[in-house]
Amino acid sequence: MVSTSTITMCFDDVGVSYRNSMRFMGSRKNWALRHISFDVRRGETLGIIGRNGAGKSTLMKLLADIINPDEGKIEREFGKLQLLSLQVGFLMHLTGRENAIMSGMLLGLRKKDILSGMKQIIEFSELGSQIDDPVRTYSAGMRARLGFAVARETSPDVLLIDEALSVGDAKFREKSKAVMAERIRSEKTVIIVSHNEQTIKEFCDRVIWLESGKIKKIGDTQTVMSEYTESLS
């Protein structure tokens, strides 16, 4: 049994629903997630896997406190949380430099510290002069590189990563993995949502396998990934 002092987040029978409107038949409640119960342990790296539509993105939004559950409760015991995702965080009409400053400040950094670290952000993101182009002109990979470059300047208590390790060329993926390894060695709590089995196997201590909005299995990485991989064949 895990001591409560090591628990940084606790989900207790959590569910999220939405209304599906049907012409002439009113609306029907559908559950994106239901009966979700698990703990996140301080300092662990937790993976979340599942097929498309399994509920991974909804669970990530709950973890990041972007949405509230429709049933059950979530308890949190930590300070700063950061969500690193290809889907959120940047304003498309602003430049990469402006977004880096804004994102860094939202993450708790002082503007002068972001400006002093801008050279490192540009170098890590490999954007060069494109740092001053509007983010709407960036590819998904370029946005991910910028997001990761800003993220490495911060030190949150909990880092949530949504597929960001799977984009970019091989060189950048290796740089991203090096940042992840550094965070894990520093005993930060990291949660990764990914389709990339190798990423999950390489970094995660435990894995949650979602299927049809419910937890199919939760346990050590080797056991869960073995069963998950077998289910895909």
Protein backbone atom coordinates (compact mmCIF):
# COMPACT_ATOMS: atom_id res chain seq x y z
CA MET A 1 0.00 0.00 0.00
CA VAL A 2 1.33 3.44 -1.01
CA SER A 3 1.65 6.00 1.78
CA THR A 4 -0.71 8.96 1.34
CA SER A 5 2.34 11.24 1.62
CA THR A 6 3.51 9.93 -1.76
CA ILE A 7 0.19 10.65 -3.53
CA THR A 8 0.11 13.83 -5.60
CA MET A 9 -3.25 13.26 -7.34
CA CYS A 10 -6.20 10.96 -6.63
CA PHE A 11 -9.12 10.12 -8.96
CA ASP A 12 -12.12 8.59 -7.17
CA ASP A 13 -14.84 7.07 -9.42
CA VAL A 14 -14.55 9.95 -11.89
CA GLY A 15 -16.78 10.32 -14.95
CA VAL A 16 -17.17 12.85 -17.79
CA SER A 17 -20.26 12.96 -20.00
CA TYR A 18 -21.52 14.97 -22.94
CA ARG A 19 -24.87 15.40 -24.65
CA ASN A 20 -25.35 13.98 -28.12
CA SER A 21 -28.26 15.82 -29.79
CA MET A 22 -30.40 13.74 -32.14
CA ARG A 23 -32.93 15.28 -34.52
CA PHE A 24 -36.54 14.54 -33.48
CA MET A 25 -35.31 12.43 -30.55
CA GLY A 26 -33.95 15.02 -28.09
CA SER A 27 -30.51 14.43 -26.61
CA ARG A 28 -28.73 11.48 -25.09
CA LYS A 29 -25.98 11.47 -22.45
CA ASN A 30 -22.78 9.75 -23.52
CA TRP A 31 -19.90 8.99 -21.18
CA ALA A 32 -16.41 9.80 -22.47
CA LEU A 33 -15.00 8.42 -19.20
CA ARG A 34 -16.64 6.58 -16.34
CA HIS A 35 -15.64 4.82 -13.09
CA ILE A 36 -12.06 6.11 -13.34
CA SER A 37 -10.13 5.55 -10.11
CA PHE A 38 -6.35 5.74 -9.68
CA ASP A 39 -3.58 7.57 -7.83
CA VAL A 40 -0.62 9.47 -9.24
CA ARG A 41 2.46 8.96 -7.08
CA ARG A 42 4.88 11.77 -6.41
CA GLY A 43 8.04 11.41 -8.51
CA GLU A 44 6.75 8.65 -10.82
CA THR A 45 6.42 8.66 -14.60
CA LEU A 46 2.94 7.44 -15.53
CA GLY A 47 1.90 6.46 -19.05
CA ILE A 48 -1.61 6.56 -20.49
CA ILE A 49 -2.36 4.43 -23.54
CA GLY A 50 -5.37 3.33 -25.56
CA ARG A 51 -6.82 3.27 -29.05
CA ASN A 52 -8.29 6.39 -30.66
CA GLY A 53 -11.52 7.31 -28.89
CA ALA A 54 -10.59 5.47 -25.69
CA GLY A 55 -10.77 8.67 -23.61
CA LYS A 56 -7.09 9.66 -23.39
CA SER A 57 -7.56 13.31 -24.35
CA THR A 58 -10.48 13.70 -21.93
CA LEU A 59 -8.41 12.21 -19.13
CA MET A 60 -5.54 14.56 -19.95
CA LYS A 61 -7.92 17.55 -19.66
CA LEU A 62 -9.03 16.30 -16.25
CA LEU A 63 -5.43 15.85 -15.13
CA ALA A 64 -4.62 19.39 -16.29
CA ASP A 65 -7.70 20.81 -14.53
CA ILE A 66 -9.04 22.15 -17.86
CA ILE A 67 -12.44 20.48 -17.31
CA ASN A 68 -14.31 19.25 -14.24
CA PRO A 69 -15.74 15.75 -13.80
CA ASP A 70 -19.51 15.20 -13.98
CA GLU A 71 -19.26 12.60 -11.23
CA GLY A 72 -16.69 11.47 -8.69
CA LYS A 73 -13.92 13.65 -7.30
CA ILE A 74 -10.29 14.56 -7.93
CA GLU A 75 -7.89 15.53 -5.16
CA ARG A 76 -4.60 17.32 -5.93
CA GLU A 77 -1.58 17.82 -3.68
CA PHE A 78 1.04 19.76 -5.61
CA GLY A 79 2.10 23.27 -6.66
CA LYS A 80 2.78 24.04 -10.32
CA LEU A 81 1.43 21.90 -13.16
CA GLN A 82 2.37 22.25 -16.83
CA LEU A 83 0.60 20.76 -19.85
CA LEU A 84 2.79 20.26 -22.91
CA SER A 85 0.53 19.55 -25.88
CA LEU A 86 0.43 20.16 -29.62
CA GLN A 87 -3.18 21.30 -29.22
CA VAL A 88 -2.98 24.06 -26.64
CA GLY A 89 -0.85 26.91 -25.42
CA PHE A 90 -0.08 29.18 -28.39
CA LEU A 91 -1.93 32.11 -30.02
CA MET A 92 -1.67 31.63 -33.76
CA HIS A 93 -1.45 35.34 -34.67
CA LEU A 94 1.52 35.97 -32.36
CA THR A 95 5.13 35.26 -33.29
CA GLY A 96 7.10 32.41 -31.82
CA ARG A 97 9.07 34.86 -29.69
CA GLU A 98 5.89 36.48 -28.36
CA ASN A 99 4.35 33.09 -27.62
CA ALA A 100 7.50 31.97 -25.82
CA ILE A 101 7.34 35.04 -23.57
CA MET A 102 3.59 34.66 -22.94
CA SER A 103 3.77 30.92 -22.29
CA GLY A 104 6.75 31.30 -19.99
CA MET A 105 5.02 33.97 -17.93
CA LEU A 106 1.87 31.84 -17.67
CA LEU A 107 4.10 29.07 -16.37
CA GLY A 108 5.42 31.33 -13.63
CA LEU A 109 8.66 32.62 -15.16
CA ARG A 110 9.62 36.27 -14.91
CA LYS A 111 9.74 38.15 -18.21
CA LYS A 112 13.37 39.18 -17.69
CA ASP A 113 14.33 35.52 -17.12
CA ILE A 114 12.56 34.46 -20.33
CA LEU A 115 14.29 37.21 -22.29
CA SER A 116 17.68 36.25 -20.86
CA GLY A 117 17.00 32.62 -21.82
CA MET A 118 15.60 33.41 -25.28
CA LYS A 119 18.86 32.47 -27.02
CA GLN A 120 18.67 28.97 -25.50
CA ILE A 121 14.98 28.69 -26.44
CA ILE A 122 15.73 29.59 -30.07
CA GLU A 123 18.70 27.22 -30.23
CA PHE A 124 16.82 24.29 -28.71
CA SER A 125 13.74 24.81 -30.90
CA GLU A 126 15.95 25.11 -34.02
CA LEU A 127 13.65 27.86 -35.31
CA GLY A 128 16.35 30.41 -36.13
CA SER A 129 14.93 33.56 -37.72
CA GLN A 130 11.48 31.91 -37.87
CA ILE A 131 11.12 32.67 -34.16
CA ASP A 132 9.76 36.06 -35.33
CA ASP A 133 7.21 34.58 -37.76
CA PRO A 134 3.55 34.11 -36.73
CA VAL A 135 2.95 30.70 -35.15
CA ARG A 136 0.11 30.11 -37.66
CA THR A 137 2.86 29.59 -40.26
CA TYR A 138 4.51 26.85 -38.17
CA SER A 139 4.09 23.15 -38.75
CA ALA A 140 2.97 20.92 -35.87
CA GLY A 141 6.57 19.88 -35.41
CA MET A 142 7.78 23.47 -35.17
CA ARG A 143 5.14 24.29 -32.56
CA ALA A 144 6.15 21.20 -30.58
CA ARG A 145 9.82 22.22 -30.70
CA LEU A 146 8.97 25.69 -29.43
CA GLY A 147 6.75 24.26 -26.69
CA PHE A 148 9.47 21.92 -25.54
CA ALA A 149 12.07 24.68 -25.64
CA VAL A 150 9.96 26.84 -23.32
CA ALA A 151 9.08 23.86 -21.11
CA ARG A 152 12.71 23.03 -20.40
CA GLU A 153 13.15 26.52 -18.91
CA THR A 154 10.51 25.79 -16.24
CA SER A 155 10.40 23.47 -13.25
CA PRO A 156 6.78 22.38 -12.56
CA ASP A 157 5.87 19.85 -9.88
CA VAL A 158 3.82 17.87 -12.42
CA LEU A 159 4.51 17.77 -16.17
CA LEU A 160 1.79 16.45 -18.51
CA ILE A 161 2.91 15.51 -22.01
CA ASP A 162 0.40 14.85 -24.79
CA GLU A 163 2.03 13.22 -27.84
CA ALA A 164 4.68 15.96 -28.10
CA LEU A 165 7.53 13.43 -28.10
CA SER A 166 6.29 11.80 -31.30
CA VAL A 167 6.82 14.74 -33.68
CA GLY A 168 9.82 16.23 -35.40
CA ASP A 169 12.86 14.58 -36.92
CA ALA A 170 14.99 11.92 -35.27
CA LYS A 171 17.49 14.50 -33.96
CA PHE A 172 14.81 16.52 -32.18
CA ARG A 173 13.13 13.42 -30.76
CA GLU A 174 16.44 12.51 -29.17
CA LYS A 175 16.74 16.02 -27.69
CA SER A 176 13.20 15.73 -26.32
CA LYS A 177 13.98 12.39 -24.75
CA ALA A 178 17.07 13.86 -23.12
CA VAL A 179 14.90 16.56 -21.51
CA MET A 180 12.47 13.88 -20.33
CA ALA A 181 15.28 11.80 -18.86
CA GLU A 182 16.56 14.89 -17.03
CA ARG A 183 13.11 15.56 -15.53
CA ILE A 184 12.74 11.95 -14.44
CA ARG A 185 16.17 11.96 -12.77
CA SER A 186 15.13 15.10 -10.87
CA GLU A 187 12.22 13.08 -9.40
CA LYS A 188 9.53 15.28 -10.94
CA THR A 189 6.10 13.75 -11.54
CA VAL A 190 5.59 13.15 -15.27
CA ILE A 191 2.46 11.90 -17.05
CA ILE A 192 2.69 10.91 -20.73
CA VAL A 193 -0.23 10.31 -23.09
CA SER A 194 1.09 8.65 -26.24
CA HIS A 195 0.47 6.18 -29.04
CA ASN A 196 4.21 5.55 -29.18
CA GLU A 197 4.76 2.24 -27.40
CA GLN A 198 8.53 2.70 -27.34
CA THR A 199 8.23 6.04 -25.52
CA ILE A 200 5.98 4.49 -22.88
CA LYS A 201 8.26 1.49 -22.42
CA GLU A 202 11.37 3.65 -22.19
CA PHE A 203 10.17 6.19 -19.64
CA CYS A 204 7.17 5.00 -17.64
CA ASP A 205 7.10 3.24 -14.26
CA ARG A 206 3.38 2.41 -14.52
CA VAL A 207 0.77 2.46 -17.28
CA ILE A 208 -2.98 3.07 -17.42
CA TRP A 209 -4.69 1.31 -20.34
CA LEU A 210 -7.96 2.98 -21.32
CA GLU A 211 -10.59 1.22 -23.38
CA SER A 212 -14.06 2.60 -24.23
CA GLY A 213 -13.81 5.25 -21.54
CA LYS A 214 -12.87 2.90 -18.71
CA ILE A 215 -9.64 1.59 -17.23
CA LYS A 216 -8.92 -1.78 -18.81
CA LYS A 217 -5.76 -2.32 -16.77
CA ILE A 218 -3.32 -0.42 -14.60
CA GLY A 219 0.04 -1.73 -13.46
CA ASP A 220 3.75 -1.99 -14.18
CA THR A 221 4.82 -1.01 -17.68
CA GLN A 222 6.09 -4.39 -18.88
CA THR A 223 2.93 -6.27 -17.90
CA VAL A 224 0.42 -3.73 -19.22
CA MET A 225 2.27 -3.01 -22.47
CA SER A 226 2.66 -6.71 -23.20
CA GLU A 227 -1.08 -7.27 -22.90
CA TYR A 228 -1.92 -4.08 -24.80
CA THR A 229 0.41 -4.94 -27.69
CA GLU A 230 -1.08 -8.43 -27.87
CA SER A 231 -4.60 -6.95 -28.05
CA LEU A 232 -3.64 -4.93 -31.13
CA SER A 233 -2.52 -7.95 -33.13
